[in-house]
Amino acid sequence: MKPIRFDDYAHRYDCVSMQREDGILQLTIHARNAPDEARLWSNAPHEELSFAFYDIARDRENRCVIITGAGDAFCAEMHPSVSGLSRFSEGNLTPATGPGLAESG
């Protein structure tokens, strides 16, 4: 696995934001553009988390990851428009380059 730097991946996601201090990375899941009444899980954060964890694992400066959610309501229930999860749910821990997420380094 080729190493990567925090600045190479920290700002490439829409549904995930990251901050790091002293090797402690805080990953926040956002439900942007979701209806106000429910922040249901969809393919977008699922796929972005797969890419984010792949990037995080390649960065040797990360010592631990804290995962949190943004906003006052968040639900891990799948959005009804999702008919199934992408290839990342099939155990692929080294995702191929996805739309808009060109692998760097």
PDB file of N, CA and C in Angstrom:
ATOM      1  N   MET A   1       0.852  -1.168   0.000  1.00  0.00           N
ATOM      2  CA  MET A   1       0.000   0.000   0.000  1.00  0.00           C
ATOM      3  C   MET A   1       0.901   1.236   0.000  1.00  0.00           C
ATOM      4  N   LYS A   2       0.717   2.095  -0.964  1.00  0.00           N
ATOM      5  CA  LYS A   2       1.535   3.296  -1.085  1.00  0.00           C
ATOM      6  C   LYS A   2       1.085   4.347  -0.062  1.00  0.00           C
ATOM      7  N   PRO A   3       2.039   4.928   0.713  1.00  0.00           N
ATOM      8  CA  PRO A   3       1.669   5.946   1.704  1.00  0.00           C
ATOM      9  C   PRO A   3       1.045   7.179   1.063  1.00  0.00           C
ATOM     10  N   ILE A   4       0.269   7.887   1.849  1.00  0.00           N
ATOM     11  CA  ILE A   4      -0.422   9.094   1.404  1.00  0.00           C
ATOM     12  C   ILE A   4      -0.354  10.108   2.550  1.00  0.00           C
ATOM     13  N   ARG A   5      -0.487  11.392   2.230  1.00  0.00           N
ATOM     14  CA  ARG A   5      -0.485  12.441   3.247  1.00  0.00           C
ATOM     15  C   ARG A   5      -1.900  12.963   3.478  1.00  0.00           C
ATOM     16  N   PHE A   6      -2.153  13.446   4.687  1.00  0.00           N
ATOM     17  CA  PHE A   6      -3.462  13.955   5.082  1.00  0.00           C
ATOM     18  C   PHE A   6      -4.003  14.991   4.092  1.00  0.00           C
ATOM     19  N   ASP A   7      -3.168  15.932   3.696  1.00  0.00           N
ATOM     20  CA  ASP A   7      -3.617  16.984   2.774  1.00  0.00           C
ATOM     21  C   ASP A   7      -4.021  16.446   1.406  1.00  0.00           C
ATOM     22  N   ASP A   8      -3.578  15.242   1.067  1.00  0.00           N
ATOM     23  CA  ASP A   8      -3.925  14.636  -0.223  1.00  0.00           C
ATOM     24  C   ASP A   8      -5.360  14.109  -0.254  1.00  0.00           C
ATOM     25  N   TYR A   9      -5.936  13.812   0.908  1.00  0.00           N
ATOM     26  CA  TYR A   9      -7.265  13.182   0.915  1.00  0.00           C
ATOM     27  C   TYR A   9      -8.288  13.847   1.834  1.00  0.00           C
ATOM     28  N   ALA A  10      -7.886  14.683   2.747  1.00  0.00           N
ATOM     29  CA  ALA A  10      -8.781  15.183   3.792  1.00  0.00           C
ATOM     30  C   ALA A  10      -9.978  15.979   3.269  1.00  0.00           C
ATOM     31  N   HIS A  11      -9.867  16.592   2.112  1.00  0.00           N
ATOM     32  CA  HIS A  11     -10.939  17.472   1.628  1.00  0.00           C
ATOM     33  C   HIS A  11     -11.568  16.987   0.324  1.00  0.00           C
ATOM     34  N   ARG A  12     -11.425  15.722   0.018  1.00  0.00           N
ATOM     35  CA  ARG A  12     -11.946  15.227  -1.262  1.00  0.00           C
ATOM     36  C   ARG A  12     -13.369  14.678  -1.188  1.00  0.00           C
ATOM     37  N   TYR A  13     -13.954  14.641   0.001  1.00  0.00           N
ATOM     38  CA  TYR A  13     -15.254  13.989   0.177  1.00  0.00           C
ATOM     39  C   TYR A  13     -16.374  14.993   0.428  1.00  0.00           C
ATOM     40  N   ASP A  14     -17.600  14.611   0.057  1.00  0.00           N
ATOM     41  CA  ASP A  14     -18.775  15.447   0.295  1.00  0.00           C
ATOM     42  C   ASP A  14     -19.506  15.071   1.583  1.00  0.00           C
ATOM     43  N   CYS A  15     -19.575  13.790   1.885  1.00  0.00           N
ATOM     44  CA  CYS A  15     -20.339  13.296   3.033  1.00  0.00           C
ATOM     45  C   CYS A  15     -19.476  13.066   4.270  1.00  0.00           C
ATOM     46  N   VAL A  16     -18.176  13.239   4.131  1.00  0.00           N
ATOM     47  CA  VAL A  16     -17.233  12.966   5.213  1.00  0.00           C
ATOM     48  C   VAL A  16     -16.272  14.146   5.320  1.00  0.00           C
ATOM     49  N   SER A  17     -16.072  14.631   6.536  1.00  0.00           N
ATOM     50  CA  SER A  17     -15.037  15.641   6.749  1.00  0.00           C
ATOM     51  C   SER A  17     -14.058  15.106   7.794  1.00  0.00           C
ATOM     52  N   MET A  18     -12.830  15.616   7.754  1.00  0.00           N
ATOM     53  CA  MET A  18     -11.789  15.116   8.642  1.00  0.00           C
ATOM     54  C   MET A  18     -10.958  16.258   9.193  1.00  0.00           C
ATOM     55  N   GLN A  19     -10.556  16.082  10.436  1.00  0.00           N
ATOM     56  CA  GLN A  19      -9.599  16.964  11.092  1.00  0.00           C
ATOM     57  C   GLN A  19      -8.622  16.066  11.829  1.00  0.00           C
ATOM     58  N   ARG A  20      -7.374  16.494  11.923  1.00  0.00           N
ATOM     59  CA  ARG A  20      -6.401  15.688  12.651  1.00  0.00           C
ATOM     60  C   ARG A  20      -5.509  16.582  13.496  1.00  0.00           C
ATOM     61  N   GLU A  21      -5.264  16.135  14.716  1.00  0.00           N
ATOM     62  CA  GLU A  21      -4.342  16.818  15.612  1.00  0.00           C
ATOM     63  C   GLU A  21      -3.586  15.770  16.414  1.00  0.00           C
ATOM     64  N   ASP A  22      -2.283  15.859  16.403  1.00  0.00           N
ATOM     65  CA  ASP A  22      -1.420  14.929  17.148  1.00  0.00           C
ATOM     66  C   ASP A  22      -1.705  13.468  16.812  1.00  0.00           C
ATOM     67  N   GLY A  23      -1.980  13.176  15.548  1.00  0.00           N
ATOM     68  CA  GLY A  23      -2.206  11.806  15.111  1.00  0.00           C
ATOM     69  C   GLY A  23      -3.603  11.276  15.359  1.00  0.00           C
ATOM     70  N   ILE A  24      -4.471  12.084  15.982  1.00  0.00           N
ATOM     71  CA  ILE A  24      -5.851  11.669  16.258  1.00  0.00           C
ATOM     72  C   ILE A  24      -6.749  12.283  15.198  1.00  0.00           C
ATOM     73  N   LEU A  25      -7.312  11.447  14.358  1.00  0.00           N
ATOM     74  CA  LEU A  25      -8.145  11.902  13.247  1.00  0.00           C
ATOM     75  C   LEU A  25      -9.610  11.819  13.653  1.00  0.00           C
ATOM     76  N   GLN A  26     -10.327  12.925  13.496  1.00  0.00           N
ATOM     77  CA  GLN A  26     -11.765  12.931  13.734  1.00  0.00           C
ATOM     78  C   GLN A  26     -12.467  12.926  12.394  1.00  0.00           C
ATOM     79  N   LEU A  27     -13.254  11.894  12.148  1.00  0.00           N
ATOM     80  CA  LEU A  27     -13.998  11.729  10.905  1.00  0.00           C
ATOM     81  C   LEU A  27     -15.465  12.003  11.225  1.00  0.00           C
ATOM     82  N   THR A  28     -16.061  12.984  10.543  1.00  0.00           N
ATOM     83  CA  THR A  28     -17.456  13.349  10.775  1.00  0.00           C
ATOM     84  C   THR A  28     -18.268  13.008   9.535  1.00  0.00           C
ATOM     85  N   ILE A  29     -19.355  12.274   9.734  1.00  0.00           N
ATOM     86  CA  ILE A  29     -20.263  11.909   8.642  1.00  0.00           C
ATOM     87  C   ILE A  29     -21.343  12.979   8.550  1.00  0.00           C
ATOM     88  N   HIS A  30     -21.528  13.523   7.357  1.00  0.00           N
ATOM     89  CA  HIS A  30     -22.539  14.550   7.107  1.00  0.00           C
ATOM     90  C   HIS A  30     -23.627  13.956   6.222  1.00  0.00           C
ATOM     91  N   ALA A  31     -24.852  14.373   6.453  1.00  0.00           N
ATOM     92  CA  ALA A  31     -25.959  13.957   5.590  1.00  0.00           C
ATOM     93  C   ALA A  31     -26.397  15.157   4.768  1.00  0.00           C
ATOM     94  N   ARG A  32     -25.511  15.664   3.955  1.00  0.00           N
ATOM     95  CA  ARG A  32     -25.823  16.843   3.140  1.00  0.00           C
ATOM     96  C   ARG A  32     -26.903  16.504   2.122  1.00  0.00           C
ATOM     97  N   ASN A  33     -27.759  17.462   1.886  1.00  0.00           N
ATOM     98  CA  ASN A  33     -28.849  17.341   0.910  1.00  0.00           C
ATOM     99  C   ASN A  33     -29.866  16.278   1.283  1.00  0.00           C
ATOM    100  N   ALA A  34     -29.875  15.858   2.546  1.00  0.00           N
ATOM    101  CA  ALA A  34     -30.888  14.894   2.993  1.00  0.00           C
ATOM    102  C   ALA A  34     -32.103  15.667   3.494  1.00  0.00           C
ATOM    103  N   PRO A  35     -33.292  15.030   3.456  1.00  0.00           N
ATOM    104  CA  PRO A  35     -34.483  15.713   3.982  1.00  0.00           C
ATOM    105  C   PRO A  35     -34.278  16.059   5.456  1.00  0.00           C
ATOM    106  N   ASP A  36     -34.832  17.180   5.879  1.00  0.00           N
ATOM    107  CA  ASP A  36     -34.657  17.618   7.268  1.00  0.00           C
ATOM    108  C   ASP A  36     -35.236  16.637   8.275  1.00  0.00           C
ATOM    109  N   GLU A  37     -36.312  15.933   7.907  1.00  0.00           N
ATOM    110  CA  GLU A  37     -36.969  15.059   8.871  1.00  0.00           C
ATOM    111  C   GLU A  37     -36.177  13.783   9.167  1.00  0.00           C
ATOM    112  N   ALA A  38     -35.284  13.392   8.300  1.00  0.00           N
ATOM    113  CA  ALA A  38     -34.514  12.168   8.550  1.00  0.00           C
ATOM    114  C   ALA A  38     -33.211  12.210   7.770  1.00  0.00           C
ATOM    115  N   ARG A  39     -32.177  11.791   8.388  1.00  0.00           N
ATOM    116  CA  ARG A  39     -30.875  11.704   7.737  1.00  0.00           C
ATOM    117  C   ARG A  39     -30.577  10.229   7.506  1.00  0.00           C
ATOM    118  N   LEU A  40     -31.244   9.652   6.535  1.00  0.00           N
ATOM    119  CA  LEU A  40     -31.120   8.227   6.286  1.00  0.00           C
ATOM    120  C   LEU A  40     -29.845   7.900   5.517  1.00  0.00           C
ATOM    121  N   TRP A  41     -29.312   6.733   5.776  1.00  0.00           N
ATOM    122  CA  TRP A  41     -28.094   6.248   5.131  1.00  0.00           C
ATOM    123  C   TRP A  41     -28.359   5.999   3.651  1.00  0.00           C
ATOM    124  N   SER A  42     -27.376   6.311   2.818  1.00  0.00           N
ATOM    125  CA  SER A  42     -27.508   6.073   1.380  1.00  0.00           C
ATOM    126  C   SER A  42     -26.183   5.556   0.852  1.00  0.00           C
ATOM    127  N   ASN A  43     -26.118   5.318  -0.436  1.00  0.00           N
ATOM    128  CA  ASN A  43     -24.876   4.837  -1.044  1.00  0.00           C
ATOM    129  C   ASN A  43     -23.739   5.843  -0.927  1.00  0.00           C
ATOM    130  N   ALA A  44     -24.041   7.140  -0.983  1.00  0.00           N
ATOM    131  CA  ALA A  44     -22.973   8.155  -0.994  1.00  0.00           C
ATOM    132  C   ALA A  44     -22.065   8.073   0.236  1.00  0.00           C
ATOM    133  N   PRO A  45     -22.596   8.147   1.466  1.00  0.00           N
ATOM    134  CA  PRO A  45     -21.687   8.049   2.608  1.00  0.00           C
ATOM    135  C   PRO A  45     -21.057   6.667   2.732  1.00  0.00           C
ATOM    136  N   HIS A  46     -21.780   5.648   2.329  1.00  0.00           N
ATOM    137  CA  HIS A  46     -21.239   4.287   2.385  1.00  0.00           C
ATOM    138  C   HIS A  46     -19.990   4.176   1.509  1.00  0.00           C
ATOM    139  N   GLU A  47     -20.082   4.641   0.290  1.00  0.00           N
ATOM    140  CA  GLU A  47     -18.943   4.577  -0.622  1.00  0.00           C
ATOM    141  C   GLU A  47     -17.820   5.510  -0.181  1.00  0.00           C
ATOM    142  N   GLU A  48     -18.185   6.715   0.248  1.00  0.00           N
ATOM    143  CA  GLU A  48     -17.144   7.636   0.688  1.00  0.00           C
ATOM    144  C   GLU A  48     -16.398   7.119   1.909  1.00  0.00           C
ATOM    145  N   LEU A  49     -17.104   6.485   2.833  1.00  0.00           N
ATOM    146  CA  LEU A  49     -16.422   5.901   3.998  1.00  0.00           C
ATOM    147  C   LEU A  49     -15.444   4.815   3.568  1.00  0.00           C
ATOM    148  N   SER A  50     -15.809   4.027   2.581  1.00  0.00           N
ATOM    149  CA  SER A  50     -14.901   2.994   2.085  1.00  0.00           C
ATOM    150  C   SER A  50     -13.621   3.611   1.557  1.00  0.00           C
ATOM    151  N   PHE A  51     -13.750   4.662   0.750  1.00  0.00           N
ATOM    152  CA  PHE A  51     -12.572   5.352   0.228  1.00  0.00           C
ATOM    153  C   PHE A  51     -11.799   6.045   1.348  1.00  0.00           C
ATOM    154  N   ALA A  52     -12.524   6.684   2.269  1.00  0.00           N
ATOM    155  CA  ALA A  52     -11.864   7.413   3.359  1.00  0.00           C
ATOM    156  C   ALA A  52     -11.040   6.467   4.226  1.00  0.00           C
ATOM    157  N   PHE A  53     -11.597   5.311   4.588  1.00  0.00           N
ATOM    158  CA  PHE A  53     -10.847   4.367   5.419  1.00  0.00           C
ATOM    159  C   PHE A  53      -9.632   3.810   4.677  1.00  0.00           C
ATOM    160  N   TYR A  54      -9.760   3.646   3.393  1.00  0.00           N
ATOM    161  CA  TYR A  54      -8.608   3.213   2.592  1.00  0.00           C
ATOM    162  C   TYR A  54      -7.508   4.279   2.649  1.00  0.00           C
ATOM    163  N   ASP A  55      -7.900   5.552   2.476  1.00  0.00           N
ATOM    164  CA  ASP A  55      -6.923   6.639   2.563  1.00  0.00           C
ATOM    165  C   ASP A  55      -6.334   6.748   3.963  1.00  0.00           C
ATOM    166  N   ILE A  56      -7.168   6.680   4.974  1.00  0.00           N
ATOM    167  CA  ILE A  56      -6.720   6.787   6.357  1.00  0.00           C
ATOM    168  C   ILE A  56      -5.700   5.704   6.684  1.00  0.00           C
ATOM    169  N   ALA A  57      -5.952   4.489   6.210  1.00  0.00           N
ATOM    170  CA  ALA A  57      -5.036   3.373   6.471  1.00  0.00           C
ATOM    171  C   ALA A  57      -3.682   3.588   5.796  1.00  0.00           C
ATOM    172  N   ARG A  58      -3.654   4.317   4.699  1.00  0.00           N
ATOM    173  CA  ARG A  58      -2.402   4.554   3.964  1.00  0.00           C
ATOM    174  C   ARG A  58      -1.569   5.682   4.558  1.00  0.00           C
ATOM    175  N   ASP A  59      -2.158   6.463   5.459  1.00  0.00           N
ATOM    176  CA  ASP A  59      -1.465   7.605   6.067  1.00  0.00           C
ATOM    177  C   ASP A  59      -0.851   7.167   7.395  1.00  0.00           C
ATOM    178  N   ARG A  60       0.448   7.093   7.437  1.00  0.00           N
ATOM    179  CA  ARG A  60       1.164   6.586   8.612  1.00  0.00           C
ATOM    180  C   ARG A  60       1.156   7.559   9.783  1.00  0.00           C
ATOM    181  N   GLU A  61       0.675   8.768   9.573  1.00  0.00           N
ATOM    182  CA  GLU A  61       0.599   9.759  10.654  1.00  0.00           C
ATOM    183  C   GLU A  61      -0.641   9.574  11.535  1.00  0.00           C
ATOM    184  N   ASN A  62      -1.607   8.777  11.064  1.00  0.00           N
ATOM    185  CA  ASN A  62      -2.828   8.537  11.839  1.00  0.00           C
ATOM    186  C   ASN A  62      -2.568   7.480  12.901  1.00  0.00           C
ATOM    187  N   ARG A  63      -2.880   7.831  14.161  1.00  0.00           N
ATOM    188  CA  ARG A  63      -2.717   6.877  15.261  1.00  0.00           C
ATOM    189  C   ARG A  63      -4.050   6.284  15.695  1.00  0.00           C
ATOM    190  N   CYS A  64      -5.119   7.065  15.599  1.00  0.00           N
ATOM    191  CA  CYS A  64      -6.459   6.543  15.906  1.00  0.00           C
ATOM    192  C   CYS A  64      -7.488   7.391  15.163  1.00  0.00           C
ATOM    193  N   VAL A  65      -8.699   6.857  15.051  1.00  0.00           N
ATOM    194  CA  VAL A  65      -9.785   7.537  14.348  1.00  0.00           C
ATOM    195  C   VAL A  65     -10.996   7.597  15.270  1.00  0.00           C
ATOM    196  N   ILE A  66     -11.559   8.785  15.399  1.00  0.00           N
ATOM    197  CA  ILE A  66     -12.810   8.977  16.132  1.00  0.00           C
ATOM    198  C   ILE A  66     -13.881   9.253  15.085  1.00  0.00           C
ATOM    199  N   ILE A  67     -14.955   8.476  15.108  1.00  0.00           N
ATOM    200  CA  ILE A  67     -16.035   8.622  14.128  1.00  0.00           C
ATOM    201  C   ILE A  67     -17.230   9.268  14.812  1.00  0.00           C
ATOM    202  N   THR A  68     -17.753  10.312  14.184  1.00  0.00           N
ATOM    203  CA  THR A  68     -18.898  11.015  14.736  1.00  0.00           C
ATOM    204  C   THR A  68     -19.834  11.433  13.599  1.00  0.00           C
ATOM    205  N   GLY A  69     -21.019  11.879  13.940  1.00  0.00           N
ATOM    206  CA  GLY A  69     -21.981  12.359  12.959  1.00  0.00           C
ATOM    207  C   GLY A  69     -22.290  13.827  13.193  1.00  0.00           C
ATOM    208  N   ALA A  70     -22.624  14.555  12.144  1.00  0.00           N
ATOM    209  CA  ALA A  70     -22.947  15.977  12.243  1.00  0.00           C
ATOM    210  C   ALA A  70     -24.453  16.170  12.348  1.00  0.00           C
ATOM    211  N   GLY A  71     -24.850  17.268  12.941  1.00  0.00           N
ATOM    212  CA  GLY A  71     -26.262  17.613  13.023  1.00  0.00           C
ATOM    213  C   GLY A  71     -26.922  17.035  14.262  1.00  0.00           C
ATOM    214  N   ASP A  72     -28.207  17.341  14.413  1.00  0.00           N
ATOM    215  CA  ASP A  72     -28.921  16.900  15.607  1.00  0.00           C
ATOM    216  C   ASP A  72     -29.666  15.584  15.404  1.00  0.00           C
ATOM    217  N   ALA A  73     -29.691  15.076  14.183  1.00  0.00           N
ATOM    218  CA  ALA A  73     -30.371  13.812  13.917  1.00  0.00           C
ATOM    219  C   ALA A  73     -29.625  13.060  12.830  1.00  0.00           C
ATOM    220  N   PHE A  74     -29.438  11.790  13.063  1.00  0.00           N
ATOM    221  CA  PHE A  74     -28.769  10.958  12.067  1.00  0.00           C
ATOM    222  C   PHE A  74     -29.278   9.538  12.262  1.00  0.00           C
ATOM    223  N   CYS A  75     -29.559   8.857  11.180  1.00  0.00           N
ATOM    224  CA  CYS A  75     -30.121   7.516  11.262  1.00  0.00           C
ATOM    225  C   CYS A  75     -29.345   6.576  10.362  1.00  0.00           C
ATOM    226  N   ALA A  76     -28.972   5.414  10.884  1.00  0.00           N
ATOM    227  CA  ALA A  76     -28.234   4.437  10.089  1.00  0.00           C
ATOM    228  C   ALA A  76     -29.160   3.565   9.246  1.00  0.00           C
ATOM    229  N   GLU A  77     -30.455   3.848   9.260  1.00  0.00           N
ATOM    230  CA  GLU A  77     -31.405   3.108   8.432  1.00  0.00           C
ATOM    231  C   GLU A  77     -31.174   3.466   6.968  1.00  0.00           C
ATOM    232  N   MET A  78     -31.271   2.484   6.099  1.00  0.00           N
ATOM    233  CA  MET A  78     -31.042   2.704   4.667  1.00  0.00           C
ATOM    234  C   MET A  78     -32.190   3.502   4.060  1.00  0.00           C
ATOM    235  N   HIS A  79     -31.859   4.463   3.242  1.00  0.00           N
ATOM    236  CA  HIS A  79     -32.853   5.266   2.530  1.00  0.00           C
ATOM    237  C   HIS A  79     -33.632   4.352   1.591  1.00  0.00           C
ATOM    238  N   PRO A  80     -34.948   4.525   1.478  1.00  0.00           N
ATOM    239  CA  PRO A  80     -35.766   3.631   0.639  1.00  0.00           C
ATOM    240  C   PRO A  80     -35.390   3.632  -0.841  1.00  0.00           C
ATOM    241  N   SER A  81     -34.723   4.657  -1.307  1.00  0.00           N
ATOM    242  CA  SER A  81     -34.342   4.712  -2.724  1.00  0.00           C
ATOM    243  C   SER A  81     -33.146   3.821  -3.035  1.00  0.00           C
ATOM    244  N   VAL A  82     -32.493   3.288  -2.003  1.00  0.00           N
ATOM    245  CA  VAL A  82     -31.307   2.458  -2.198  1.00  0.00           C
ATOM    246  C   VAL A  82     -31.739   1.012  -2.355  1.00  0.00           C
ATOM    247  N   SER A  83     -31.420   0.429  -3.507  1.00  0.00           N
ATOM    248  CA  SER A  83     -31.836  -0.949  -3.767  1.00  0.00           C
ATOM    249  C   SER A  83     -30.772  -1.956  -3.362  1.00  0.00           C
ATOM    250  N   GLY A  84     -29.598  -1.497  -3.063  1.00  0.00           N
ATOM    251  CA  GLY A  84     -28.521  -2.388  -2.660  1.00  0.00           C
ATOM    252  C   GLY A  84     -27.244  -1.599  -2.512  1.00  0.00           C
ATOM    253  N   LEU A  85     -26.300  -2.143  -1.815  1.00  0.00           N
ATOM    254  CA  LEU A  85     -25.046  -1.446  -1.608  1.00  0.00           C
ATOM    255  C   LEU A  85     -24.075  -1.770  -2.724  1.00  0.00           C
ATOM    256  N   SER A  86     -23.122  -0.914  -2.896  1.00  0.00           N
ATOM    257  CA  SER A  86     -22.142  -1.072  -3.967  1.00  0.00           C
ATOM    258  C   SER A  86     -21.159  -2.184  -3.652  1.00  0.00           C
ATOM    259  N   ARG A  87     -20.179  -2.319  -4.510  1.00  0.00           N
ATOM    260  CA  ARG A  87     -19.177  -3.363  -4.385  1.00  0.00           C
ATOM    261  C   ARG A  87     -18.418  -3.312  -3.065  1.00  0.00           C
ATOM    262  N   PHE A  88     -18.411  -2.164  -2.387  1.00  0.00           N
ATOM    263  CA  PHE A  88     -17.652  -2.039  -1.154  1.00  0.00           C
ATOM    264  C   PHE A  88     -18.254  -2.884  -0.037  1.00  0.00           C
ATOM    265  N   SER A  89     -19.544  -3.193  -0.111  1.00  0.00           N
ATOM    266  CA  SER A  89     -20.163  -4.022   0.912  1.00  0.00           C
ATOM    267  C   SER A  89     -19.804  -5.491   0.731  1.00  0.00           C
ATOM    268  N   GLU A  90     -19.111  -5.816  -0.339  1.00  0.00           N
ATOM    269  CA  GLU A  90     -18.745  -7.198  -0.617  1.00  0.00           C
ATOM    270  C   GLU A  90     -17.361  -7.544  -0.089  1.00  0.00           C
ATOM    271  N   GLY A  91     -16.809  -6.694   0.785  1.00  0.00           N
ATOM    272  CA  GLY A  91     -15.546  -7.004   1.415  1.00  0.00           C
ATOM    273  C   GLY A  91     -14.317  -6.515   0.691  1.00  0.00           C
ATOM    274  N   ASN A  92     -14.481  -5.654  -0.304  1.00  0.00           N
ATOM    275  CA  ASN A  92     -13.336  -5.130  -1.030  1.00  0.00           C
ATOM    276  C   ASN A  92     -12.708  -4.016  -0.203  1.00  0.00           C
ATOM    277  N   LEU A  93     -11.561  -4.288   0.402  1.00  0.00           N
ATOM    278  CA  LEU A  93     -10.920  -3.319   1.280  1.00  0.00           C
ATOM    279  C   LEU A  93      -9.952  -2.409   0.543  1.00  0.00           C
ATOM    280  N   THR A  94      -9.759  -2.633  -0.728  1.00  0.00           N
ATOM    281  CA  THR A  94      -8.915  -1.754  -1.537  1.00  0.00           C
ATOM    282  C   THR A  94      -9.733  -1.302  -2.739  1.00  0.00           C
ATOM    283  N   PRO A  95     -10.590  -0.284  -2.542  1.00  0.00           N
ATOM    284  CA  PRO A  95     -11.524   0.111  -3.600  1.00  0.00           C
ATOM    285  C   PRO A  95     -10.816   0.645  -4.833  1.00  0.00           C
ATOM    286  N   ALA A  96     -11.402   0.341  -5.961  1.00  0.00           N
ATOM    287  CA  ALA A  96     -10.935   0.919  -7.217  1.00  0.00           C
ATOM    288  C   ALA A  96     -11.317   2.391  -7.211  1.00  0.00           C
ATOM    289  N   THR A  97     -10.740   3.144  -8.101  1.00  0.00           N
ATOM    290  CA  THR A  97     -11.052   4.561  -8.165  1.00  0.00           C
ATOM    291  C   THR A  97     -12.512   4.739  -8.522  1.00  0.00           C
ATOM    292  N   GLY A  98     -13.209   5.523  -7.722  1.00  0.00           N
ATOM    293  CA  GLY A  98     -14.627   5.768  -7.944  1.00  0.00           C
ATOM    294  C   GLY A  98     -14.846   7.106  -8.608  1.00  0.00           C
ATOM    295  N   PRO A  99     -16.094   7.435  -8.886  1.00  0.00           N
ATOM    296  CA  PRO A  99     -16.408   8.690  -9.556  1.00  0.00           C
ATOM    297  C   PRO A  99     -15.949   9.886  -8.725  1.00  0.00           C
ATOM    298  N   GLY A 100     -15.085  10.700  -9.307  1.00  0.00           N
ATOM    299  CA  GLY A 100     -14.639  11.917  -8.650  1.00  0.00           C
ATOM    300  C   GLY A 100     -13.623  11.702  -7.537  1.00  0.00           C
ATOM    301  N   LEU A 101     -13.197  10.475  -7.322  1.00  0.00           N
ATOM    302  CA  LEU A 101     -12.280  10.190  -6.231  1.00  0.00           C
ATOM    303  C   LEU A 101     -11.001   9.559  -6.769  1.00  0.00           C
ATOM    304  N   ALA A 102     -10.325  10.264  -7.626  1.00  0.00           N
ATOM    305  CA  ALA A 102      -9.100   9.750  -8.221  1.00  0.00           C
ATOM    306  C   ALA A 102      -8.069   9.463  -7.144  1.00  0.00           C
ATOM    307  N   GLU A 103      -7.491   8.300  -7.211  1.00  0.00           N
ATOM    308  CA  GLU A 103      -6.488   7.910  -6.222  1.00  0.00           C
ATOM    309  C   GLU A 103      -5.251   8.778  -6.396  1.00  0.00           C
ATOM    310  N   SER A 104      -4.759   9.272  -5.287  1.00  0.00           N
ATOM    311  CA  SER A 104      -3.570  10.125  -5.350  1.00  0.00           C
ATOM    312  C   SER A 104      -2.386   9.388  -4.778  1.00  0.00           C
ATOM    313  N   GLY A 105      -1.194   9.903  -5.063  1.00  0.00           N
ATOM    314  CA  GLY A 105       0.040   9.340  -4.510  1.00  0.00           C
ATOM    315  C   GLY A 105       0.501   8.235  -5.325  1.00  0.00           C
TER     316      GLY A 105
END
